[in-house]
Amino acid sequence: MASWVSDHLIEPWQIIAEQQSAQNLAGQYGATASFIGSMRDFSDRTDIKKMVLEHYPAMTARYLEKLEDMARQKWPLLDCLIVHRVGEVHPGDAIVVIACWSAHRRAALDACDWLIEELKYKAPFWKKEFTNEGGHWVTGNTDGH
């Protein structure tokens, strides 16, 4: 299992490569599906300068572990990775990295899609966007399911 939060800049491709190298599963997986979410400089407001992501560490750790367990129950995954940023984030910074390894592409793709939608809609993160006018709490995310 590999799920964590980081209050530092994350390098998605490096994290995925390191996870794949460490798993010692070469020849067992036929598919790796990944999703990388980055901060935009707009949402409902234009000209967003930065965002602050807050969380309760113990609650977030339990939630990420639960998500990973649920994905492993739904699909035959060989490995799963979820990394999420917290703290101050700027436009262009990676916010989330998800990767799923499976013997077949459908399981990897479906699990990756399901994980990002669950994470985006239900994860215990609180976002505050900052523009030149000040900070504004983001009140909800769309359910992509």
N, C-alpha and C. Protein backbone atom coordinates (compact mmCIF):
# COMPACT_ATOMS: atom_id res chain seq x y z
N MET A 1 0.84 -1.18 0.00
CA MET A 1 0.00 0.00 0.00
C MET A 1 0.87 1.24 0.00
N ALA A 2 0.43 2.21 -0.77
CA ALA A 2 1.21 3.43 -0.86
C ALA A 2 0.28 4.62 -0.97
N SER A 3 -0.02 5.21 0.15
CA SER A 3 -0.86 6.42 0.17
C SER A 3 -0.28 7.37 1.19
N TRP A 4 -0.13 8.62 0.80
CA TRP A 4 0.35 9.61 1.75
C TRP A 4 0.02 11.01 1.28
N VAL A 5 0.20 11.97 2.18
CA VAL A 5 0.07 13.38 1.84
C VAL A 5 1.44 14.01 1.97
N SER A 6 1.64 15.09 1.25
CA SER A 6 2.92 15.80 1.26
C SER A 6 2.68 17.29 1.38
N ASP A 7 3.43 17.93 2.23
CA ASP A 7 3.34 19.39 2.31
C ASP A 7 4.46 20.05 1.52
N HIS A 8 5.11 19.26 0.67
CA HIS A 8 6.16 19.76 -0.22
C HIS A 8 5.76 19.51 -1.67
N LEU A 9 6.40 20.20 -2.58
CA LEU A 9 6.20 19.99 -4.01
C LEU A 9 6.37 18.51 -4.33
N ILE A 10 5.47 17.96 -5.13
CA ILE A 10 5.59 16.55 -5.51
C ILE A 10 5.95 16.45 -6.99
N GLU A 11 6.73 15.44 -7.30
CA GLU A 11 7.16 15.15 -8.67
C GLU A 11 6.46 13.88 -9.11
N PRO A 12 5.31 13.99 -9.77
CA PRO A 12 4.48 12.82 -10.08
C PRO A 12 5.18 11.69 -10.80
N TRP A 13 5.90 12.00 -11.87
CA TRP A 13 6.51 10.92 -12.66
C TRP A 13 7.60 10.23 -11.87
N GLN A 14 8.31 10.97 -11.05
CA GLN A 14 9.34 10.37 -10.20
C GLN A 14 8.71 9.45 -9.16
N ILE A 15 7.62 9.89 -8.54
CA ILE A 15 6.92 9.08 -7.54
C ILE A 15 6.42 7.78 -8.16
N ILE A 16 5.81 7.87 -9.34
CA ILE A 16 5.30 6.67 -10.01
C ILE A 16 6.45 5.73 -10.37
N ALA A 17 7.52 6.27 -10.92
CA ALA A 17 8.67 5.43 -11.30
C ALA A 17 9.28 4.75 -10.07
N GLU A 18 9.42 5.48 -8.97
CA GLU A 18 9.98 4.90 -7.76
C GLU A 18 9.08 3.80 -7.20
N GLN A 19 7.77 4.02 -7.22
CA GLN A 19 6.84 3.01 -6.74
C GLN A 19 6.92 1.76 -7.61
N GLN A 20 6.95 1.95 -8.91
CA GLN A 20 7.00 0.81 -9.83
C GLN A 20 8.31 0.04 -9.66
N SER A 21 9.39 0.73 -9.46
CA SER A 21 10.69 0.09 -9.26
C SER A 21 10.73 -0.69 -7.96
N ALA A 22 10.13 -0.16 -6.91
CA ALA A 22 10.17 -0.78 -5.59
C ALA A 22 9.24 -1.99 -5.46
N GLN A 23 8.23 -2.07 -6.32
CA GLN A 23 7.22 -3.11 -6.12
C GLN A 23 7.67 -4.50 -6.54
N ASN A 24 8.72 -4.64 -7.33
CA ASN A 24 9.25 -5.94 -7.72
C ASN A 24 8.17 -6.82 -8.38
N LEU A 25 7.41 -6.24 -9.28
CA LEU A 25 6.33 -6.96 -9.96
C LEU A 25 6.54 -7.05 -11.47
N ALA A 26 7.74 -6.76 -11.95
CA ALA A 26 8.01 -6.79 -13.39
C ALA A 26 7.55 -8.12 -13.98
N GLY A 27 6.82 -8.04 -15.08
CA GLY A 27 6.30 -9.23 -15.74
C GLY A 27 4.91 -9.64 -15.27
N GLN A 28 4.47 -9.10 -14.13
CA GLN A 28 3.15 -9.45 -13.61
C GLN A 28 2.07 -8.47 -14.06
N TYR A 29 2.45 -7.21 -14.23
CA TYR A 29 1.45 -6.23 -14.63
C TYR A 29 1.56 -5.98 -16.14
N GLY A 30 0.40 -5.81 -16.74
CA GLY A 30 0.36 -5.49 -18.16
C GLY A 30 -0.15 -4.08 -18.40
N ALA A 31 -0.56 -3.43 -17.30
CA ALA A 31 -1.12 -2.09 -17.44
C ALA A 31 -0.80 -1.25 -16.21
N THR A 32 -0.48 0.00 -16.48
CA THR A 32 -0.34 1.02 -15.44
C THR A 32 -1.18 2.20 -15.88
N ALA A 33 -2.16 2.55 -15.06
CA ALA A 33 -2.99 3.72 -15.35
C ALA A 33 -2.64 4.79 -14.32
N SER A 34 -2.55 6.02 -14.77
CA SER A 34 -2.20 7.09 -13.83
C SER A 34 -3.06 8.33 -14.08
N PHE A 35 -3.18 9.11 -13.02
CA PHE A 35 -3.85 10.40 -13.10
C PHE A 35 -3.01 11.38 -12.29
N ILE A 36 -2.76 12.54 -12.88
CA ILE A 36 -2.05 13.61 -12.19
C ILE A 36 -2.93 14.85 -12.28
N GLY A 37 -3.31 15.37 -11.14
CA GLY A 37 -4.11 16.59 -11.09
C GLY A 37 -3.24 17.76 -10.68
N SER A 38 -3.36 18.85 -11.40
CA SER A 38 -2.56 20.04 -11.14
C SER A 38 -3.47 21.23 -10.83
N MET A 39 -2.93 22.20 -10.13
CA MET A 39 -3.70 23.40 -9.82
C MET A 39 -3.81 24.30 -11.03
N ARG A 40 -5.03 24.76 -11.28
CA ARG A 40 -5.27 25.75 -12.34
C ARG A 40 -5.24 27.15 -11.73
N ASP A 41 -5.16 28.14 -12.60
CA ASP A 41 -5.21 29.52 -12.10
C ASP A 41 -6.62 30.10 -12.24
N PHE A 42 -7.60 29.23 -12.36
CA PHE A 42 -9.00 29.66 -12.42
C PHE A 42 -9.90 28.54 -11.89
N SER A 43 -11.09 28.90 -11.46
CA SER A 43 -12.16 27.97 -11.11
C SER A 43 -13.44 28.77 -11.32
N ASP A 44 -14.24 28.93 -10.30
CA ASP A 44 -15.39 29.84 -10.41
C ASP A 44 -14.91 31.28 -10.46
N ARG A 45 -13.73 31.50 -9.94
CA ARG A 45 -13.10 32.82 -9.97
C ARG A 45 -11.93 32.79 -10.95
N THR A 46 -11.63 33.93 -11.52
CA THR A 46 -10.46 34.00 -12.40
C THR A 46 -9.28 34.53 -11.61
N ASP A 47 -8.11 34.35 -12.14
CA ASP A 47 -6.91 34.93 -11.57
C ASP A 47 -6.60 34.42 -10.15
N ILE A 48 -6.66 33.12 -9.96
CA ILE A 48 -6.30 32.54 -8.67
C ILE A 48 -4.78 32.50 -8.57
N LYS A 49 -4.26 33.03 -7.49
CA LYS A 49 -2.81 33.14 -7.29
C LYS A 49 -2.22 31.94 -6.57
N LYS A 50 -2.99 31.38 -5.63
CA LYS A 50 -2.54 30.21 -4.88
C LYS A 50 -3.75 29.58 -4.20
N MET A 51 -3.51 28.41 -3.63
CA MET A 51 -4.54 27.71 -2.90
C MET A 51 -3.87 27.08 -1.67
N VAL A 52 -4.61 27.01 -0.59
CA VAL A 52 -4.13 26.33 0.60
C VAL A 52 -5.06 25.15 0.85
N LEU A 53 -4.48 23.97 0.96
CA LEU A 53 -5.23 22.74 1.25
C LEU A 53 -4.97 22.36 2.69
N GLU A 54 -6.04 22.25 3.47
CA GLU A 54 -5.93 21.86 4.87
C GLU A 54 -6.54 20.49 5.06
N HIS A 55 -6.09 19.81 6.13
CA HIS A 55 -6.63 18.48 6.44
C HIS A 55 -6.31 18.12 7.87
N TYR A 56 -6.97 17.07 8.37
CA TYR A 56 -6.62 16.47 9.65
C TYR A 56 -5.84 15.22 9.33
N PRO A 57 -4.54 15.16 9.67
CA PRO A 57 -3.69 14.05 9.24
C PRO A 57 -4.23 12.65 9.52
N ALA A 58 -4.68 12.38 10.73
CA ALA A 58 -5.16 11.03 11.04
C ALA A 58 -6.40 10.68 10.22
N MET A 59 -7.30 11.63 10.08
CA MET A 59 -8.52 11.40 9.30
C MET A 59 -8.17 11.15 7.82
N THR A 60 -7.27 11.94 7.30
CA THR A 60 -6.87 11.80 5.90
C THR A 60 -6.18 10.47 5.66
N ALA A 61 -5.28 10.08 6.56
CA ALA A 61 -4.57 8.80 6.41
C ALA A 61 -5.56 7.64 6.39
N ARG A 62 -6.52 7.65 7.30
CA ARG A 62 -7.54 6.58 7.33
C ARG A 62 -8.36 6.56 6.04
N TYR A 63 -8.73 7.75 5.57
CA TYR A 63 -9.54 7.82 4.35
C TYR A 63 -8.77 7.29 3.14
N LEU A 64 -7.52 7.68 2.98
CA LEU A 64 -6.74 7.21 1.84
C LEU A 64 -6.54 5.69 1.91
N GLU A 65 -6.30 5.18 3.10
CA GLU A 65 -6.16 3.73 3.28
C GLU A 65 -7.46 3.01 2.91
N LYS A 66 -8.59 3.58 3.35
CA LYS A 66 -9.89 3.00 3.04
C LYS A 66 -10.14 3.01 1.53
N LEU A 67 -9.82 4.12 0.87
CA LEU A 67 -10.00 4.20 -0.59
C LEU A 67 -9.18 3.13 -1.31
N GLU A 68 -7.94 3.00 -0.90
CA GLU A 68 -7.07 2.01 -1.52
C GLU A 68 -7.61 0.59 -1.29
N ASP A 69 -8.06 0.30 -0.08
CA ASP A 69 -8.65 -1.01 0.22
C ASP A 69 -9.88 -1.28 -0.63
N MET A 70 -10.74 -0.27 -0.77
CA MET A 70 -11.96 -0.43 -1.57
C MET A 70 -11.61 -0.69 -3.04
N ALA A 71 -10.63 0.02 -3.58
CA ALA A 71 -10.23 -0.19 -4.97
C ALA A 71 -9.69 -1.61 -5.16
N ARG A 72 -8.92 -2.08 -4.20
CA ARG A 72 -8.36 -3.44 -4.30
C ARG A 72 -9.44 -4.50 -4.20
N GLN A 73 -10.54 -4.21 -3.51
CA GLN A 73 -11.65 -5.15 -3.43
C GLN A 73 -12.46 -5.16 -4.73
N LYS A 74 -12.56 -4.02 -5.38
CA LYS A 74 -13.37 -3.92 -6.61
C LYS A 74 -12.64 -4.42 -7.85
N TRP A 75 -11.31 -4.26 -7.89
CA TRP A 75 -10.54 -4.61 -9.08
C TRP A 75 -9.32 -5.43 -8.69
N PRO A 76 -8.83 -6.28 -9.60
CA PRO A 76 -7.64 -7.10 -9.31
C PRO A 76 -6.35 -6.30 -9.52
N LEU A 77 -6.07 -5.43 -8.58
CA LEU A 77 -4.89 -4.57 -8.68
C LEU A 77 -3.68 -5.25 -8.06
N LEU A 78 -2.56 -5.08 -8.69
CA LEU A 78 -1.29 -5.56 -8.14
C LEU A 78 -0.67 -4.52 -7.22
N ASP A 79 -0.92 -3.24 -7.52
CA ASP A 79 -0.43 -2.16 -6.68
C ASP A 79 -1.27 -0.92 -6.93
N CYS A 80 -1.21 -0.01 -5.97
CA CYS A 80 -2.02 1.21 -6.03
C CYS A 80 -1.24 2.30 -5.32
N LEU A 81 -1.31 3.51 -5.85
CA LEU A 81 -0.58 4.65 -5.29
C LEU A 81 -1.50 5.86 -5.26
N ILE A 82 -1.56 6.53 -4.11
CA ILE A 82 -2.32 7.78 -3.97
C ILE A 82 -1.44 8.76 -3.18
N VAL A 83 -1.12 9.88 -3.78
CA VAL A 83 -0.35 10.92 -3.11
C VAL A 83 -1.09 12.25 -3.30
N HIS A 84 -1.30 12.98 -2.22
CA HIS A 84 -2.04 14.24 -2.29
C HIS A 84 -1.25 15.33 -1.58
N ARG A 85 -1.22 16.50 -2.20
CA ARG A 85 -0.57 17.68 -1.61
C ARG A 85 -1.46 18.30 -0.55
N VAL A 86 -0.83 18.91 0.42
CA VAL A 86 -1.50 19.79 1.39
C VAL A 86 -0.63 21.03 1.54
N GLY A 87 -1.17 22.03 2.19
CA GLY A 87 -0.42 23.27 2.38
C GLY A 87 -0.61 24.21 1.20
N GLU A 88 0.36 25.07 0.99
CA GLU A 88 0.28 26.08 -0.05
C GLU A 88 0.66 25.50 -1.41
N VAL A 89 -0.24 25.69 -2.38
CA VAL A 89 -0.06 25.17 -3.73
C VAL A 89 -0.23 26.32 -4.72
N HIS A 90 0.56 26.31 -5.78
CA HIS A 90 0.52 27.37 -6.78
C HIS A 90 0.11 26.81 -8.14
N PRO A 91 -0.44 27.67 -9.02
CA PRO A 91 -0.84 27.20 -10.35
C PRO A 91 0.30 26.43 -11.03
N GLY A 92 -0.07 25.28 -11.57
CA GLY A 92 0.90 24.41 -12.24
C GLY A 92 1.46 23.33 -11.34
N ASP A 93 1.36 23.50 -10.01
CA ASP A 93 1.85 22.46 -9.09
C ASP A 93 0.94 21.24 -9.16
N ALA A 94 1.54 20.07 -9.07
CA ALA A 94 0.75 18.84 -8.97
C ALA A 94 0.11 18.79 -7.59
N ILE A 95 -1.18 18.43 -7.57
CA ILE A 95 -1.92 18.32 -6.32
C ILE A 95 -2.13 16.85 -5.95
N VAL A 96 -2.37 16.02 -6.93
CA VAL A 96 -2.67 14.61 -6.65
C VAL A 96 -2.03 13.72 -7.71
N VAL A 97 -1.57 12.55 -7.25
CA VAL A 97 -1.03 11.53 -8.13
C VAL A 97 -1.71 10.22 -7.76
N ILE A 98 -2.27 9.57 -8.76
CA ILE A 98 -2.87 8.25 -8.56
C ILE A 98 -2.30 7.34 -9.63
N ALA A 99 -1.93 6.12 -9.24
CA ALA A 99 -1.48 5.13 -10.21
C ALA A 99 -2.00 3.76 -9.77
N CYS A 100 -2.40 2.97 -10.74
CA CYS A 100 -2.89 1.62 -10.49
C CYS A 100 -2.20 0.66 -11.45
N TRP A 101 -1.72 -0.45 -10.90
CA TRP A 101 -1.07 -1.49 -11.70
C TRP A 101 -1.93 -2.74 -11.66
N SER A 102 -2.14 -3.34 -12.82
CA SER A 102 -2.94 -4.56 -12.91
C SER A 102 -2.44 -5.39 -14.09
N ALA A 103 -2.85 -6.64 -14.14
CA ALA A 103 -2.48 -7.50 -15.26
C ALA A 103 -3.13 -7.01 -16.55
N HIS A 104 -4.30 -6.37 -16.42
CA HIS A 104 -5.06 -5.96 -17.60
C HIS A 104 -5.47 -4.49 -17.50
N ARG A 105 -5.57 -3.83 -18.66
CA ARG A 105 -5.81 -2.39 -18.70
C ARG A 105 -7.15 -1.98 -18.13
N ARG A 106 -8.22 -2.74 -18.35
CA ARG A 106 -9.54 -2.31 -17.89
C ARG A 106 -9.56 -2.12 -16.39
N ALA A 107 -8.99 -3.05 -15.64
CA ALA A 107 -8.97 -2.92 -14.18
C ALA A 107 -8.16 -1.70 -13.75
N ALA A 108 -7.00 -1.49 -14.35
CA ALA A 108 -6.15 -0.36 -13.99
C ALA A 108 -6.86 0.96 -14.32
N LEU A 109 -7.44 1.06 -15.51
CA LEU A 109 -8.12 2.29 -15.92
C LEU A 109 -9.35 2.57 -15.06
N ASP A 110 -10.18 1.56 -14.85
CA ASP A 110 -11.40 1.75 -14.06
C ASP A 110 -11.08 2.12 -12.61
N ALA A 111 -10.09 1.45 -12.03
CA ALA A 111 -9.73 1.75 -10.64
C ALA A 111 -9.18 3.18 -10.52
N CYS A 112 -8.34 3.57 -11.45
CA CYS A 112 -7.76 4.92 -11.42
C CYS A 112 -8.87 5.97 -11.54
N ASP A 113 -9.80 5.76 -12.46
CA ASP A 113 -10.91 6.68 -12.65
C ASP A 113 -11.77 6.76 -11.38
N TRP A 114 -12.10 5.62 -10.81
CA TRP A 114 -12.92 5.58 -9.61
C TRP A 114 -12.22 6.28 -8.44
N LEU A 115 -10.92 6.02 -8.29
CA LEU A 115 -10.18 6.63 -7.19
C LEU A 115 -10.16 8.16 -7.26
N ILE A 116 -9.93 8.72 -8.43
CA ILE A 116 -9.88 10.19 -8.49
C ILE A 116 -11.25 10.79 -8.24
N GLU A 117 -12.29 10.16 -8.72
CA GLU A 117 -13.64 10.70 -8.48
C GLU A 117 -14.00 10.62 -7.01
N GLU A 118 -13.71 9.52 -6.36
CA GLU A 118 -13.98 9.39 -4.92
C GLU A 118 -13.15 10.40 -4.14
N LEU A 119 -11.89 10.51 -4.48
CA LEU A 119 -10.99 11.43 -3.78
C LEU A 119 -11.45 12.88 -3.96
N LYS A 120 -11.77 13.25 -5.17
CA LYS A 120 -12.17 14.63 -5.48
C LYS A 120 -13.46 15.02 -4.76
N TYR A 121 -14.39 14.08 -4.69
CA TYR A 121 -15.71 14.39 -4.16
C TYR A 121 -15.83 14.22 -2.64
N LYS A 122 -15.12 13.23 -2.08
CA LYS A 122 -15.36 12.87 -0.69
C LYS A 122 -14.18 13.02 0.26
N ALA A 123 -13.00 13.29 -0.23
CA ALA A 123 -11.82 13.33 0.64
C ALA A 123 -11.89 14.47 1.64
N PRO A 124 -11.35 14.26 2.83
CA PRO A 124 -11.40 15.29 3.88
C PRO A 124 -10.30 16.34 3.74
N PHE A 125 -10.38 17.09 2.63
CA PHE A 125 -9.48 18.22 2.41
C PHE A 125 -10.33 19.48 2.31
N TRP A 126 -9.82 20.57 2.82
CA TRP A 126 -10.51 21.86 2.74
C TRP A 126 -9.63 22.81 1.96
N LYS A 127 -10.23 23.44 0.93
CA LYS A 127 -9.47 24.29 0.01
C LYS A 127 -9.85 25.76 0.17
N LYS A 128 -8.82 26.59 0.19
CA LYS A 128 -9.04 28.04 0.20
C LYS A 128 -8.24 28.62 -0.96
N GLU A 129 -8.95 29.25 -1.89
CA GLU A 129 -8.32 29.87 -3.05
C GLU A 129 -8.07 31.35 -2.77
N PHE A 130 -6.95 31.83 -3.28
CA PHE A 130 -6.57 33.23 -3.06
C PHE A 130 -6.46 33.97 -4.39
N THR A 131 -7.14 35.11 -4.47
CA THR A 131 -7.04 36.01 -5.62
C THR A 131 -6.49 37.34 -5.09
N ASN A 132 -6.43 38.34 -5.93
CA ASN A 132 -5.99 39.66 -5.48
C ASN A 132 -6.94 40.25 -4.45
N GLU A 133 -8.19 39.77 -4.43
CA GLU A 133 -9.20 40.28 -3.50
C GLU A 133 -9.16 39.57 -2.15
N GLY A 134 -8.37 38.53 -2.02
CA GLY A 134 -8.30 37.79 -0.75
C GLY A 134 -8.62 36.32 -0.92
N GLY A 135 -8.87 35.66 0.23
CA GLY A 135 -9.12 34.23 0.23
C GLY A 135 -10.59 33.87 0.24
N HIS A 136 -10.92 32.76 -0.40
CA HIS A 136 -12.31 32.28 -0.49
C HIS A 136 -12.30 30.77 -0.32
N TRP A 137 -13.08 30.25 0.64
CA TRP A 137 -13.18 28.81 0.82
C TRP A 137 -13.97 28.19 -0.33
N VAL A 138 -13.49 27.07 -0.82
CA VAL A 138 -14.20 26.32 -1.87
C VAL A 138 -15.24 25.48 -1.15
N THR A 139 -16.51 25.62 -1.56
CA THR A 139 -17.59 25.00 -0.82
C THR A 139 -17.98 23.60 -1.31
N GLY A 140 -17.54 23.19 -2.48
CA GLY A 140 -17.91 21.85 -2.92
C GLY A 140 -17.22 21.46 -4.20
N ASN A 141 -17.20 20.18 -4.46
CA ASN A 141 -16.66 19.64 -5.70
C ASN A 141 -17.77 18.89 -6.42
N THR A 142 -17.65 18.79 -7.72
CA THR A 142 -18.66 18.07 -8.48
C THR A 142 -18.42 16.57 -8.35
N ASP A 143 -19.50 15.82 -8.34
CA ASP A 143 -19.44 14.36 -8.30
C ASP A 143 -19.28 13.88 -9.73
N GLY A 144 -18.13 13.35 -10.07
CA GLY A 144 -17.85 12.92 -11.42
C GLY A 144 -18.37 11.55 -11.78
N HIS A 145 -18.96 10.84 -10.81
CA HIS A 145 -19.46 9.49 -11.11
C HIS A 145 -20.65 9.59 -12.00
